[in-house]
Protein backbone atom coordinates (compact mmCIF):
# COMPACT_ATOMS: atom_id res chain seq x y z
CA MET A 1 38.32 106.84 43.31
CA ILE A 2 40.35 105.48 40.46
CA ILE A 3 43.40 107.24 41.49
CA PHE A 4 43.12 105.70 44.95
CA TYR A 5 42.94 102.22 43.35
CA ILE A 6 46.00 103.10 41.16
CA LEU A 7 48.06 104.21 44.19
CA VAL A 8 47.06 101.10 46.42
CA SER A 9 47.87 98.74 43.51
CA THR A 10 51.21 100.29 42.63
CA LEU A 11 52.25 100.38 46.20
CA SER A 12 51.05 96.93 47.25
CA SER A 13 52.25 95.25 44.08
CA GLY A 14 55.84 96.63 44.64
CA LEU A 15 55.80 95.85 48.41
CA ILE A 16 54.56 92.35 48.00
CA ALA A 17 57.22 91.59 45.38
CA VAL A 18 59.91 93.04 47.49
CA CYS A 19 58.84 91.19 50.69
CA ILE A 20 58.45 87.82 48.96
CA ALA A 21 61.69 88.31 47.04
CA ASN A 22 63.47 89.22 50.35
CA TRP A 23 62.08 86.02 51.98
CA LEU A 24 62.97 83.81 49.05
CA THR A 25 66.56 85.26 48.86
CA TYR A 26 67.43 84.24 52.44
CA SER A 27 65.34 81.09 52.75
CA VAL A 28 64.07 78.90 49.97
CA PHE A 29 65.67 80.69 46.96
CA SER A 30 66.55 77.77 44.73
CA ARG A 31 63.50 75.79 45.45
CA TYR A 32 60.79 78.30 44.31
CA MET A 33 62.67 80.65 41.84
CA HIS A 34 62.06 78.57 38.66
CA ASN A 35 58.49 77.76 39.56
CA MET A 36 57.76 81.54 39.93
CA ILE A 37 59.38 82.18 36.59
CA SER A 38 57.18 79.43 34.89
CA LEU A 39 54.01 80.85 36.53
CA SER A 40 55.05 84.36 35.23
CA VAL A 41 55.32 83.15 31.73
CA GLY A 42 51.81 81.71 31.90
CA ILE A 43 50.35 84.88 33.50
CA PHE A 44 52.21 87.33 31.16
CA LEU A 45 51.10 85.72 27.98
CA SER A 46 47.48 85.05 28.97
CA VAL A 47 46.97 88.58 30.27
CA SER A 48 48.43 89.89 27.05
CA PHE A 49 46.40 87.74 24.59
CA LEU A 50 43.02 87.46 26.61
CA HIS A 51 42.81 90.92 28.22
CA LEU A 52 45.17 93.80 27.05
CA LEU A 53 45.14 93.25 23.24
CA PRO A 54 41.49 92.49 22.95
CA GLU A 55 40.67 95.53 24.98
CA ALA A 56 42.90 97.70 22.86
CA TYR A 57 41.36 96.25 19.80
CA GLU A 58 37.91 97.24 20.99
CA HIS A 59 38.88 100.80 21.90
CA LEU A 60 40.61 101.29 18.49
CA ASP A 61 37.41 100.27 16.61
CA ASN A 62 38.74 96.97 15.64
CA ASN A 63 41.72 98.26 13.86
CA ALA A 64 44.22 95.42 14.05
CA ASP A 65 46.61 97.08 11.72
CA ILE A 66 47.59 99.89 14.12
CA ILE A 67 47.89 97.40 16.96
CA PHE A 68 50.37 95.31 15.07
CA LYS A 69 52.53 98.44 14.19
CA VAL A 70 52.54 99.66 17.77
CA MET A 71 53.49 96.13 18.93
CA LEU A 72 56.37 95.96 16.43
CA ILE A 73 57.60 99.46 17.38
CA SER A 74 57.31 98.66 21.19
CA ILE A 75 59.27 95.36 20.89
CA ILE A 76 62.04 97.05 18.92
CA CYS A 77 62.24 99.62 21.68
CA PHE A 78 62.48 97.10 24.33
CA VAL A 79 65.46 95.47 22.42
CA ILE A 80 67.07 98.75 22.19
CA LEU A 81 66.55 99.41 25.99
CA GLU A 82 67.96 95.95 26.80
CA LYS A 83 71.02 96.61 24.52
CA VAL A 84 71.83 99.73 26.73
CA SER A 85 71.46 97.68 29.92
CA LEU A 86 68.27 99.37 31.23
CA LEU A 87 66.14 96.26 31.36
CA ARG A 88 68.44 93.27 31.58
CA HIS A 89 69.05 91.87 35.11
CA ASN A 90 71.79 89.81 36.13
CA HIS A 91 69.89 86.46 36.98
CA HIS A 92 72.94 84.67 38.24
CA TYR A 93 74.16 84.22 41.84
CA GLU A 94 76.94 82.54 43.55
CA GLY A 95 76.51 78.73 43.71
CA ASP A 96 73.61 78.67 41.12
CA GLY A 97 74.83 75.75 39.35
CA HIS A 98 76.24 77.37 36.19
CA GLY A 99 79.73 76.13 36.99
CA HIS A 100 81.33 79.48 37.43
CA SER A 101 84.38 79.74 39.60
CA HIS A 102 83.84 80.93 43.10
CA GLY A 103 83.52 84.77 43.17
CA HIS A 104 82.72 85.00 39.51
CA ASP A 105 79.27 86.56 39.82
CA LYS A 106 80.30 88.83 42.57
CA SER A 107 83.01 90.12 40.24
CA GLU A 108 80.61 90.52 37.48
CA ALA A 109 78.20 92.35 39.71
CA GLY A 110 80.80 95.05 40.68
CA SER A 111 79.31 98.54 40.41
CA GLY A 112 76.56 97.02 38.36
CA GLY A 113 74.25 97.38 41.41
CA ILE A 114 73.66 101.13 40.49
CA ILE A 115 72.84 100.22 36.91
CA ILE A 116 70.37 97.63 38.21
CA LEU A 117 68.64 100.18 40.42
CA ILE A 118 68.44 102.80 37.66
CA GLY A 119 67.00 100.10 35.29
CA SER A 120 64.52 98.83 37.98
CA SER A 121 63.19 102.39 38.71
CA LEU A 122 62.66 103.10 35.09
CA HIS A 123 61.00 99.70 34.71
CA ASN A 124 58.88 100.38 37.81
CA PHE A 125 57.86 103.85 36.55
CA SER A 126 56.63 102.39 33.20
CA ASP A 127 54.75 99.60 35.08
CA GLY A 128 52.92 102.34 37.07
CA ILE A 129 51.91 104.06 33.84
CA LEU A 130 50.55 100.70 32.45
CA ILE A 131 48.68 100.05 35.56
CA SER A 132 47.02 103.48 35.23
CA ALA A 133 46.03 102.72 31.85
CA ALA A 134 44.47 99.39 32.77
CA PHE A 135 42.50 100.91 35.67
CA LEU A 136 41.22 103.81 33.30
CA THR A 137 39.88 101.10 31.09
CA TYR A 138 38.04 99.42 33.73
CA PRO A 139 38.97 98.40 37.42
CA LEU A 140 39.20 94.65 37.07
CA LEU A 141 41.66 94.99 34.18
CA GLY A 142 43.73 97.17 36.47
CA VAL A 143 43.75 94.51 39.07
CA LEU A 144 44.76 91.80 36.72
CA THR A 145 47.49 93.99 35.21
CA SER A 146 48.81 94.83 38.79
CA LEU A 147 48.78 90.96 39.65
CA SER A 148 50.76 90.18 36.57
CA ILE A 149 53.35 92.80 37.33
CA ALA A 150 53.61 91.77 40.94
CA VAL A 151 54.20 88.14 40.13
CA HIS A 152 56.87 89.05 37.31
CA GLU A 153 58.52 91.48 39.82
CA ILE A 154 59.12 88.82 42.38
CA PRO A 155 61.92 87.21 40.31
CA HIS A 156 63.21 90.54 39.21
CA LYS A 157 63.33 91.96 42.67
CA LEU A 158 64.94 88.62 43.83
CA CYS A 159 67.66 89.10 41.29
CA ASP A 160 68.12 92.84 42.24
CA PHE A 161 68.76 91.47 45.90
CA VAL A 162 71.40 88.94 44.47
CA VAL A 163 73.26 91.64 42.46
CA LEU A 164 73.13 94.19 45.27
CA ARG A 165 74.48 91.63 47.76
CA ASN A 166 77.00 90.32 45.32
CA SER A 167 78.25 93.99 44.91
CA GLY A 168 78.92 94.24 48.57
CA LEU A 169 75.88 95.90 50.05
CA ASN A 170 74.42 94.55 53.23
CA ARG A 171 70.96 93.15 53.62
CA SER A 172 69.24 96.20 55.12
CA THR A 173 70.84 98.61 52.60
CA SER A 174 69.79 96.42 49.62
CA LEU A 175 66.19 96.19 50.99
CA MET A 176 65.98 99.91 51.52
CA MET A 177 67.31 100.72 47.93
CA ILE A 178 64.98 98.13 46.29
CA LEU A 179 61.87 99.65 48.29
CA ILE A 180 62.84 103.13 47.13
CA SER A 181 63.17 101.88 43.47
CA SER A 182 59.69 100.36 43.94
CA LEU A 183 58.11 103.67 44.82
CA PHE A 184 58.69 104.85 41.08
CA SER A 185 55.84 102.54 40.21
CA SER A 186 53.41 104.87 42.19
CA ILE A 187 55.01 107.94 40.56
CA GLY A 188 54.39 106.47 37.16
CA GLY A 189 50.93 105.66 38.16
CA LEU A 190 50.02 109.12 39.21
CA ILE A 191 51.63 110.78 36.13
CA GLY A 192 49.89 108.07 33.83
CA TYR A 193 46.59 108.78 35.55
CA PHE A 194 46.72 112.57 34.84
CA ILE A 195 48.12 112.12 31.35
CA LEU A 196 45.81 109.41 30.21
CA GLN A 197 42.72 110.96 31.96
CA SER A 198 43.17 114.19 30.03
CA VAL A 199 44.09 112.47 26.69
CA GLN A 200 42.07 109.27 26.84
CA GLN A 201 42.95 108.41 23.23
CA LEU A 202 46.35 107.31 24.53
CA THR A 203 44.89 104.62 26.74
CA PRO A 204 44.58 101.88 24.08
CA PHE A 205 48.18 102.51 22.87
CA ALA A 206 49.30 102.15 26.43
CA LEU A 207 47.46 98.79 26.76
CA VAL A 208 49.19 97.59 23.59
CA ILE A 209 52.59 98.70 24.93
CA ALA A 210 51.77 96.83 28.19
CA ALA A 211 50.92 93.61 26.34
CA SER A 212 54.00 94.05 24.09
CA SER A 213 56.20 94.35 27.11
CA PHE A 214 54.66 91.35 28.78
CA ILE A 215 55.15 89.21 25.66
CA TYR A 216 58.64 90.55 25.26
CA ILE A 217 59.70 89.74 28.68
CA ALA A 218 58.03 86.25 28.72
CA ILE A 219 59.72 85.19 25.41
CA ALA A 220 63.06 87.05 25.57
CA ASP A 221 63.78 86.89 29.30
CA LEU A 222 61.79 84.36 31.25
CA ILE A 223 61.53 81.49 28.93
CA PRO A 224 65.27 81.39 28.20
CA GLN A 225 65.91 81.30 32.01
CA MET A 226 63.73 78.25 32.08
CA HIS A 227 66.01 76.50 29.70
CA GLU A 228 69.32 77.48 31.48
CA TYR A 229 69.49 74.55 33.83
CA LYS A 230 69.74 70.86 33.07
CA LYS A 231 66.54 69.22 34.13
CA THR A 232 64.94 65.83 34.30
CA PHE A 233 61.65 65.03 32.42
CA ASN A 234 59.72 65.50 35.85
CA LYS A 235 61.19 69.08 36.18
CA HIS A 236 60.28 70.07 32.65
CA LEU A 237 56.75 68.78 33.42
CA ILE A 238 56.55 70.81 36.63
CA GLN A 239 57.62 73.93 34.58
CA LEU A 240 54.86 73.32 32.13
CA LEU A 241 52.30 72.70 34.72
CA PHE A 242 53.11 76.10 36.32
CA ILE A 243 52.79 77.79 32.93
CA PHE A 244 49.40 76.16 32.49
CA MET A 245 48.47 77.11 36.09
CA GLY A 246 49.20 80.72 35.19
CA ILE A 247 47.08 80.45 32.08
CA PHE A 248 44.29 78.72 33.89
CA ILE A 249 44.09 81.40 36.65
CA ILE A 250 44.00 84.27 34.13
CA TYR A 251 41.48 82.39 31.79
CA ASN A 252 39.02 82.00 34.67
CA LEU A 253 39.49 85.68 35.84
CA THR A 254 38.87 86.70 32.14
CA ASN A 255 35.42 85.18 32.28
CA ILE A 256 34.69 87.24 35.60
CA SER A 257 36.31 90.27 33.79
CA HIS A 258 34.12 89.94 30.79
CA HIS A 259 30.83 89.55 32.63
CA TYR A 260 31.78 92.53 34.77
CA HIS A 261 32.68 94.61 31.84
CA CYS A 262 29.44 93.83 29.94
CA LYS A 263 27.42 94.72 33.05
CA SER A 264 29.20 98.02 33.35
CA HIS A 265 28.91 98.75 29.56
CA ASP A 266 25.10 98.03 29.77
CA TYR A 267 24.68 100.20 32.87
CA GLN A 268 26.44 103.19 31.17
CA GLU A 269 24.04 102.90 28.22
CA ILE A 270 21.11 102.84 30.42
CA GLN A 271 22.28 105.93 32.18
CA TYR A 272 22.91 107.58 28.79
């Protein structure tokens, strides 16, 4: 049954992100993009610190030392991946207010659309593995992880659309290529399920890596984007409100998750 949940979550999170990104790209792009980024920051940080890391801490017999070591190694690996252009997306688009000359971003995109697709596919593949690890821990954590990834993937998929369109691809071709890239999440989910199912000792490490990736993306990628544009005090306040909204949503889901997890644990002890 768990494998069914993993498949549904990986497929639906990718499709939802692509559909919303496609809609935003061709309708209300500039109005909602920054709000989505701010919401992603709140959700990513709260899921990491309120769910993934505590769960990994519990599974590793309260061994904080190994958690911090895995986090350090993971973050350094993400820096290296970003340096070789596997994770970095081009977040600019024509007329985005950065003051570039007309055609600058299209020129910058060039053949970079292929690199973006390769990077997105690898990123989606790793997301699928992380979703599997969360579901194998307990289902509600898998749902929360899938939700976090879906929310984060909306601005990333949106940027993929922008780069592919700037590189000369039409709308239907861009959509098809991004959908194919999203399928790598399900492939990663299936591989993660069979690997982590047979070697369950790896699950808490996968949770730490997931938390590290969320924290890294929030701090190194999303928060700097929030600071790129000149804003009034009211717009800064709106950004903060969306961050707190993301934290508030996950905090309340944390209480439900904790209650569910405790009941499940008690039931297993009774059965034993």
